[in-house]
Amino acid sequence: MADATIEQPTAEQIAERVAEGRQLLREHFGMTLTDAELDQGPDLLRRVYGIATADARAARREYRRAGGDDGP
């Protein structure tokens, strides 16, 4: 049986990955949530999905105004 401690990331590695993910969201997706807001947990996903939905709807409206037809 494999030693589970070998497969588990350290607290430092987890913190580094979280920081990298947050930076990626900020740089590539324009996310403006603070670290404190991100730390609030499940409500964060609801907010991120809400922001993404609003952005997608706005882009779709602009596409339609420009004469595009993306279906129903």
PDB file of N, CA and C in Angstrom:
ATOM      1  N   MET A   1       0.850  -1.184   0.000  1.00  0.00           N
ATOM      2  CA  MET A   1       0.000   0.000   0.000  1.00  0.00           C
ATOM      3  C   MET A   1       0.896   1.248   0.000  1.00  0.00           C
ATOM      4  N   ALA A   2       0.548   2.224  -0.840  1.00  0.00           N
ATOM      5  CA  ALA A   2       1.348   3.438  -0.974  1.00  0.00           C
ATOM      6  C   ALA A   2       1.196   4.328   0.253  1.00  0.00           C
ATOM      7  N   ASP A   3       2.258   5.022   0.556  1.00  0.00           N
ATOM      8  CA  ASP A   3       2.242   5.966   1.666  1.00  0.00           C
ATOM      9  C   ASP A   3       1.462   7.208   1.257  1.00  0.00           C
ATOM     10  N   ALA A   4       0.329   7.478   1.913  1.00  0.00           N
ATOM     11  CA  ALA A   4      -0.552   8.597   1.543  1.00  0.00           C
ATOM     12  C   ALA A   4       0.121   9.950   1.728  1.00  0.00           C
ATOM     13  N   THR A   5       1.079  10.041   2.643  1.00  0.00           N
ATOM     14  CA  THR A   5       1.723  11.334   2.880  1.00  0.00           C
ATOM     15  C   THR A   5       2.569  11.772   1.698  1.00  0.00           C
ATOM     16  N   ILE A   6       3.044  10.833   0.915  1.00  0.00           N
ATOM     17  CA  ILE A   6       3.844  11.173  -0.257  1.00  0.00           C
ATOM     18  C   ILE A   6       2.982  11.854  -1.317  1.00  0.00           C
ATOM     19  N   GLU A   7       1.732  11.447  -1.426  1.00  0.00           N
ATOM     20  CA  GLU A   7       0.845  11.959  -2.465  1.00  0.00           C
ATOM     21  C   GLU A   7       0.163  13.275  -2.085  1.00  0.00           C
ATOM     22  N   GLN A   8       0.183  13.622  -0.818  1.00  0.00           N
ATOM     23  CA  GLN A   8      -0.515  14.816  -0.360  1.00  0.00           C
ATOM     24  C   GLN A   8       0.393  16.046  -0.479  1.00  0.00           C
ATOM     25  N   PRO A   9      -0.111  17.136  -1.082  1.00  0.00           N
ATOM     26  CA  PRO A   9       0.696  18.360  -1.146  1.00  0.00           C
ATOM     27  C   PRO A   9       0.842  18.974   0.247  1.00  0.00           C
ATOM     28  N   THR A  10       1.919  19.677   0.434  1.00  0.00           N
ATOM     29  CA  THR A  10       2.134  20.362   1.709  1.00  0.00           C
ATOM     30  C   THR A  10       1.254  21.607   1.768  1.00  0.00           C
ATOM     31  N   ALA A  11       1.117  22.159   2.952  1.00  0.00           N
ATOM     32  CA  ALA A  11       0.342  23.392   3.117  1.00  0.00           C
ATOM     33  C   ALA A  11       0.937  24.506   2.259  1.00  0.00           C
ATOM     34  N   GLU A  12       2.254  24.534   2.175  1.00  0.00           N
ATOM     35  CA  GLU A  12       2.926  25.550   1.361  1.00  0.00           C
ATOM     36  C   GLU A  12       2.590  25.374  -0.117  1.00  0.00           C
ATOM     37  N   GLN A  13       2.585  24.122  -0.592  1.00  0.00           N
ATOM     38  CA  GLN A  13       2.247  23.857  -1.990  1.00  0.00           C
ATOM     39  C   GLN A  13       0.803  24.232  -2.292  1.00  0.00           C
ATOM     40  N   ILE A  14      -0.084  23.927  -1.368  1.00  0.00           N
ATOM     41  CA  ILE A  14      -1.494  24.282  -1.548  1.00  0.00           C
ATOM     42  C   ILE A  14      -1.643  25.797  -1.613  1.00  0.00           C
ATOM     43  N   ALA A  15      -0.997  26.510  -0.708  1.00  0.00           N
ATOM     44  CA  ALA A  15      -1.080  27.971  -0.694  1.00  0.00           C
ATOM     45  C   ALA A  15      -0.539  28.557  -1.996  1.00  0.00           C
ATOM     46  N   GLU A  16       0.540  27.977  -2.496  1.00  0.00           N
ATOM     47  CA  GLU A  16       1.121  28.450  -3.755  1.00  0.00           C
ATOM     48  C   GLU A  16       0.157  28.228  -4.917  1.00  0.00           C
ATOM     49  N   ARG A  17      -0.472  27.081  -4.956  1.00  0.00           N
ATOM     50  CA  ARG A  17      -1.432  26.784  -6.026  1.00  0.00           C
ATOM     51  C   ARG A  17      -2.646  27.698  -5.957  1.00  0.00           C
ATOM     52  N   VAL A  18      -3.121  27.960  -4.755  1.00  0.00           N
ATOM     53  CA  VAL A  18      -4.263  28.862  -4.582  1.00  0.00           C
ATOM     54  C   VAL A  18      -3.889  30.261  -5.073  1.00  0.00           C
ATOM     55  N   ALA A  19      -2.708  30.739  -4.692  1.00  0.00           N
ATOM     56  CA  ALA A  19      -2.258  32.071  -5.117  1.00  0.00           C
ATOM     57  C   ALA A  19      -2.122  32.135  -6.636  1.00  0.00           C
ATOM     58  N   GLU A  20      -1.585  31.071  -7.247  1.00  0.00           N
ATOM     59  CA  GLU A  20      -1.450  31.039  -8.711  1.00  0.00           C
ATOM     60  C   GLU A  20      -2.815  31.053  -9.381  1.00  0.00           C
ATOM     61  N   GLY A  21      -3.761  30.304  -8.846  1.00  0.00           N
ATOM     62  CA  GLY A  21      -5.113  30.278  -9.412  1.00  0.00           C
ATOM     63  C   GLY A  21      -5.797  31.627  -9.323  1.00  0.00           C
ATOM     64  N   ARG A  22      -5.633  32.281  -8.195  1.00  0.00           N
ATOM     65  CA  ARG A  22      -6.233  33.610  -8.026  1.00  0.00           C
ATOM     66  C   ARG A  22      -5.602  34.621  -8.986  1.00  0.00           C
ATOM     67  N   GLN A  23      -4.301  34.544  -9.140  1.00  0.00           N
ATOM     68  CA  GLN A  23      -3.616  35.448 -10.066  1.00  0.00           C
ATOM     69  C   GLN A  23      -4.093  35.213 -11.489  1.00  0.00           C
ATOM     70  N   LEU A  24      -4.256  33.950 -11.859  1.00  0.00           N
ATOM     71  CA  LEU A  24      -4.752  33.604 -13.186  1.00  0.00           C
ATOM     72  C   LEU A  24      -6.148  34.196 -13.411  1.00  0.00           C
ATOM     73  N   LEU A  25      -7.030  34.041 -12.435  1.00  0.00           N
ATOM     74  CA  LEU A  25      -8.374  34.601 -12.559  1.00  0.00           C
ATOM     75  C   LEU A  25      -8.330  36.116 -12.719  1.00  0.00           C
ATOM     76  N   ARG A  26      -7.452  36.757 -11.971  1.00  0.00           N
ATOM     77  CA  ARG A  26      -7.362  38.218 -12.050  1.00  0.00           C
ATOM     78  C   ARG A  26      -6.788  38.692 -13.386  1.00  0.00           C
ATOM     79  N   GLU A  27      -5.719  38.048 -13.835  1.00  0.00           N
ATOM     80  CA  GLU A  27      -5.047  38.494 -15.056  1.00  0.00           C
ATOM     81  C   GLU A  27      -5.804  38.130 -16.327  1.00  0.00           C
ATOM     82  N   HIS A  28      -6.311  36.928 -16.386  1.00  0.00           N
ATOM     83  CA  HIS A  28      -6.894  36.446 -17.632  1.00  0.00           C
ATOM     84  C   HIS A  28      -8.402  36.639 -17.736  1.00  0.00           C
ATOM     85  N   PHE A  29      -9.068  36.771 -16.605  1.00  0.00           N
ATOM     86  CA  PHE A  29     -10.519  36.882 -16.645  1.00  0.00           C
ATOM     87  C   PHE A  29     -11.025  38.183 -16.040  1.00  0.00           C
ATOM     88  N   GLY A  30     -10.131  39.027 -15.600  1.00  0.00           N
ATOM     89  CA  GLY A  30     -10.533  40.321 -15.064  1.00  0.00           C
ATOM     90  C   GLY A  30     -11.268  40.238 -13.739  1.00  0.00           C
ATOM     91  N   MET A  31     -11.077  39.162 -12.999  1.00  0.00           N
ATOM     92  CA  MET A  31     -11.761  39.007 -11.722  1.00  0.00           C
ATOM     93  C   MET A  31     -11.250  40.052 -10.743  1.00  0.00           C
ATOM     94  N   THR A  32     -12.167  40.680 -10.035  1.00  0.00           N
ATOM     95  CA  THR A  32     -11.789  41.746  -9.109  1.00  0.00           C
ATOM     96  C   THR A  32     -12.034  41.382  -7.651  1.00  0.00           C
ATOM     97  N   LEU A  33     -12.366  40.123  -7.372  1.00  0.00           N
ATOM     98  CA  LEU A  33     -12.608  39.717  -5.995  1.00  0.00           C
ATOM     99  C   LEU A  33     -11.300  39.740  -5.206  1.00  0.00           C
ATOM    100  N   THR A  34     -11.407  40.174  -3.958  1.00  0.00           N
ATOM    101  CA  THR A  34     -10.238  40.210  -3.083  1.00  0.00           C
ATOM    102  C   THR A  34      -9.969  38.821  -2.514  1.00  0.00           C
ATOM    103  N   ASP A  35      -8.792  38.651  -1.922  1.00  0.00           N
ATOM    104  CA  ASP A  35      -8.484  37.376  -1.272  1.00  0.00           C
ATOM    105  C   ASP A  35      -9.497  37.083  -0.164  1.00  0.00           C
ATOM    106  N   ALA A  36      -9.904  38.101   0.579  1.00  0.00           N
ATOM    107  CA  ALA A  36     -10.887  37.898   1.645  1.00  0.00           C
ATOM    108  C   ALA A  36     -12.213  37.393   1.071  1.00  0.00           C
ATOM    109  N   GLU A  37     -12.635  37.958  -0.052  1.00  0.00           N
ATOM    110  CA  GLU A  37     -13.870  37.496  -0.692  1.00  0.00           C
ATOM    111  C   GLU A  37     -13.726  36.067  -1.206  1.00  0.00           C
ATOM    112  N   LEU A  38     -12.570  35.759  -1.747  1.00  0.00           N
ATOM    113  CA  LEU A  38     -12.325  34.402  -2.245  1.00  0.00           C
ATOM    114  C   LEU A  38     -12.314  33.394  -1.110  1.00  0.00           C
ATOM    115  N   ASP A  39     -11.874  33.805   0.054  1.00  0.00           N
ATOM    116  CA  ASP A  39     -11.797  32.912   1.204  1.00  0.00           C
ATOM    117  C   ASP A  39     -13.165  32.577   1.792  1.00  0.00           C
ATOM    118  N   GLN A  40     -14.215  33.256   1.347  1.00  0.00           N
ATOM    119  CA  GLN A  40     -15.547  33.010   1.887  1.00  0.00           C
ATOM    120  C   GLN A  40     -16.135  31.679   1.433  1.00  0.00           C
ATOM    121  N   GLY A  41     -15.526  31.040   0.467  1.00  0.00           N
ATOM    122  CA  GLY A  41     -15.909  29.686   0.112  1.00  0.00           C
ATOM    123  C   GLY A  41     -17.031  29.537  -0.884  1.00  0.00           C
ATOM    124  N   PRO A  42     -18.038  28.714  -0.567  1.00  0.00           N
ATOM    125  CA  PRO A  42     -19.075  28.356  -1.537  1.00  0.00           C
ATOM    126  C   PRO A  42     -19.761  29.549  -2.196  1.00  0.00           C
ATOM    127  N   ASP A  43     -19.971  30.612  -1.469  1.00  0.00           N
ATOM    128  CA  ASP A  43     -20.611  31.780  -2.072  1.00  0.00           C
ATOM    129  C   ASP A  43     -19.752  32.378  -3.173  1.00  0.00           C
ATOM    130  N   LEU A  44     -18.463  32.136  -3.096  1.00  0.00           N
ATOM    131  CA  LEU A  44     -17.550  32.619  -4.131  1.00  0.00           C
ATOM    132  C   LEU A  44     -17.920  32.023  -5.478  1.00  0.00           C
ATOM    133  N   LEU A  45     -18.128  30.717  -5.528  1.00  0.00           N
ATOM    134  CA  LEU A  45     -18.474  30.090  -6.802  1.00  0.00           C
ATOM    135  C   LEU A  45     -19.767  30.669  -7.361  1.00  0.00           C
ATOM    136  N   ARG A  46     -20.721  30.903  -6.518  1.00  0.00           N
ATOM    137  CA  ARG A  46     -21.982  31.506  -6.966  1.00  0.00           C
ATOM    138  C   ARG A  46     -21.723  32.877  -7.581  1.00  0.00           C
ATOM    139  N   ARG A  47     -20.849  33.657  -6.944  1.00  0.00           N
ATOM    140  CA  ARG A  47     -20.523  34.983  -7.485  1.00  0.00           C
ATOM    141  C   ARG A  47     -19.759  34.884  -8.793  1.00  0.00           C
ATOM    142  N   VAL A  48     -18.775  33.979  -8.862  1.00  0.00           N
ATOM    143  CA  VAL A  48     -17.992  33.823 -10.081  1.00  0.00           C
ATOM    144  C   VAL A  48     -18.892  33.378 -11.225  1.00  0.00           C
ATOM    145  N   TYR A  49     -19.768  32.391 -10.957  1.00  0.00           N
ATOM    146  CA  TYR A  49     -20.689  31.937 -12.003  1.00  0.00           C
ATOM    147  C   TYR A  49     -21.636  33.058 -12.417  1.00  0.00           C
ATOM    148  N   GLY A  50     -22.075  33.863 -11.462  1.00  0.00           N
ATOM    149  CA  GLY A  50     -22.955  34.986 -11.780  1.00  0.00           C
ATOM    150  C   GLY A  50     -22.258  36.012 -12.663  1.00  0.00           C
ATOM    151  N   ILE A  51     -21.015  36.299 -12.350  1.00  0.00           N
ATOM    152  CA  ILE A  51     -20.234  37.245 -13.155  1.00  0.00           C
ATOM    153  C   ILE A  51     -20.024  36.689 -14.558  1.00  0.00           C
ATOM    154  N   ALA A  52     -19.670  35.403 -14.638  1.00  0.00           N
ATOM    155  CA  ALA A  52     -19.446  34.775 -15.945  1.00  0.00           C
ATOM    156  C   ALA A  52     -20.726  34.761 -16.771  1.00  0.00           C
ATOM    157  N   THR A  53     -21.854  34.488 -16.129  1.00  0.00           N
ATOM    158  CA  THR A  53     -23.141  34.478 -16.832  1.00  0.00           C
ATOM    159  C   THR A  53     -23.475  35.863 -17.358  1.00  0.00           C
ATOM    160  N   ALA A  54     -23.290  36.873 -16.523  1.00  0.00           N
ATOM    161  CA  ALA A  54     -23.567  38.242 -16.950  1.00  0.00           C
ATOM    162  C   ALA A  54     -22.666  38.641 -18.121  1.00  0.00           C
ATOM    163  N   ASP A  55     -21.396  38.267 -18.060  1.00  0.00           N
ATOM    164  CA  ASP A  55     -20.467  38.573 -19.147  1.00  0.00           C
ATOM    165  C   ASP A  55     -20.868  37.864 -20.436  1.00  0.00           C
ATOM    166  N   ALA A  56     -21.271  36.596 -20.314  1.00  0.00           N
ATOM    167  CA  ALA A  56     -21.673  35.832 -21.501  1.00  0.00           C
ATOM    168  C   ALA A  56     -22.931  36.425 -22.118  1.00  0.00           C
ATOM    169  N   ARG A  57     -23.876  36.826 -21.295  1.00  0.00           N
ATOM    170  CA  ARG A  57     -25.111  37.427 -21.811  1.00  0.00           C
ATOM    171  C   ARG A  57     -24.822  38.759 -22.504  1.00  0.00           C
ATOM    172  N   ALA A  58     -23.934  39.554 -21.908  1.00  0.00           N
ATOM    173  CA  ALA A  58     -23.586  40.835 -22.518  1.00  0.00           C
ATOM    174  C   ALA A  58     -22.888  40.615 -23.859  1.00  0.00           C
ATOM    175  N   ALA A  59     -21.995  39.641 -23.927  1.00  0.00           N
ATOM    176  CA  ALA A  59     -21.304  39.345 -25.179  1.00  0.00           C
ATOM    177  C   ALA A  59     -22.290  38.861 -26.240  1.00  0.00           C
ATOM    178  N   ARG A  60     -23.249  38.070 -25.823  1.00  0.00           N
ATOM    179  CA  ARG A  60     -24.264  37.563 -26.764  1.00  0.00           C
ATOM    180  C   ARG A  60     -25.118  38.706 -27.306  1.00  0.00           C
ATOM    181  N   ARG A  61     -25.494  39.633 -26.419  1.00  0.00           N
ATOM    182  CA  ARG A  61     -26.270  40.802 -26.863  1.00  0.00           C
ATOM    183  C   ARG A  61     -25.481  41.611 -27.887  1.00  0.00           C
ATOM    184  N   GLU A  62     -24.206  41.846 -27.600  1.00  0.00           N
ATOM    185  CA  GLU A  62     -23.362  42.613 -28.531  1.00  0.00           C
ATOM    186  C   GLU A  62     -23.228  41.890 -29.863  1.00  0.00           C
ATOM    187  N   TYR A  63     -23.082  40.587 -29.833  1.00  0.00           N
ATOM    188  CA  TYR A  63     -22.968  39.792 -31.039  1.00  0.00           C
ATOM    189  C   TYR A  63     -24.241  39.927 -31.883  1.00  0.00           C
ATOM    190  N   ARG A  64     -25.377  39.845 -31.202  1.00  0.00           N
ATOM    191  CA  ARG A  64     -26.656  39.970 -31.926  1.00  0.00           C
ATOM    192  C   ARG A  64     -26.829  41.377 -32.492  1.00  0.00           C
ATOM    193  N   ARG A  65     -26.433  42.388 -31.722  1.00  0.00           N
ATOM    194  CA  ARG A  65     -26.546  43.768 -32.218  1.00  0.00           C
ATOM    195  C   ARG A  65     -25.681  43.994 -33.443  1.00  0.00           C
ATOM    196  N   ALA A  66     -24.572  43.266 -33.508  1.00  0.00           N
ATOM    197  CA  ALA A  66     -23.653  43.413 -34.648  1.00  0.00           C
ATOM    198  C   ALA A  66     -24.133  42.603 -35.850  1.00  0.00           C
ATOM    199  N   GLY A  67     -25.278  41.947 -35.723  1.00  0.00           N
ATOM    200  CA  GLY A  67     -25.837  41.211 -36.857  1.00  0.00           C
ATOM    201  C   GLY A  67     -25.596  39.733 -36.827  1.00  0.00           C
ATOM    202  N   GLY A  68     -24.981  39.245 -35.770  1.00  0.00           N
ATOM    203  CA  GLY A  68     -24.739  37.803 -35.653  1.00  0.00           C
ATOM    204  C   GLY A  68     -26.008  37.068 -35.255  1.00  0.00           C
ATOM    205  N   ASP A  69     -26.049  35.802 -35.574  1.00  0.00           N
ATOM    206  CA  ASP A  69     -27.189  34.966 -35.201  1.00  0.00           C
ATOM    207  C   ASP A  69     -26.648  33.707 -34.562  1.00  0.00           C
ATOM    208  N   ASP A  70     -26.815  33.600 -33.247  1.00  0.00           N
ATOM    209  CA  ASP A  70     -26.286  32.422 -32.544  1.00  0.00           C
ATOM    210  C   ASP A  70     -27.382  31.449 -32.172  1.00  0.00           C
ATOM    211  N   GLY A  71     -28.481  31.485 -32.858  1.00  0.00           N
ATOM    212  CA  GLY A  71     -29.565  30.541 -32.611  1.00  0.00           C
ATOM    213  C   GLY A  71     -30.560  31.050 -31.596  1.00  0.00           C
ATOM    214  N   PRO A  72     -31.399  30.153 -31.102  1.00  0.00           N
ATOM    215  CA  PRO A  72     -32.491  30.558 -30.177  1.00  0.00           C
ATOM    216  C   PRO A  72     -32.023  31.144 -28.886  1.00  0.00           C
TER     217      PRO A  72
END
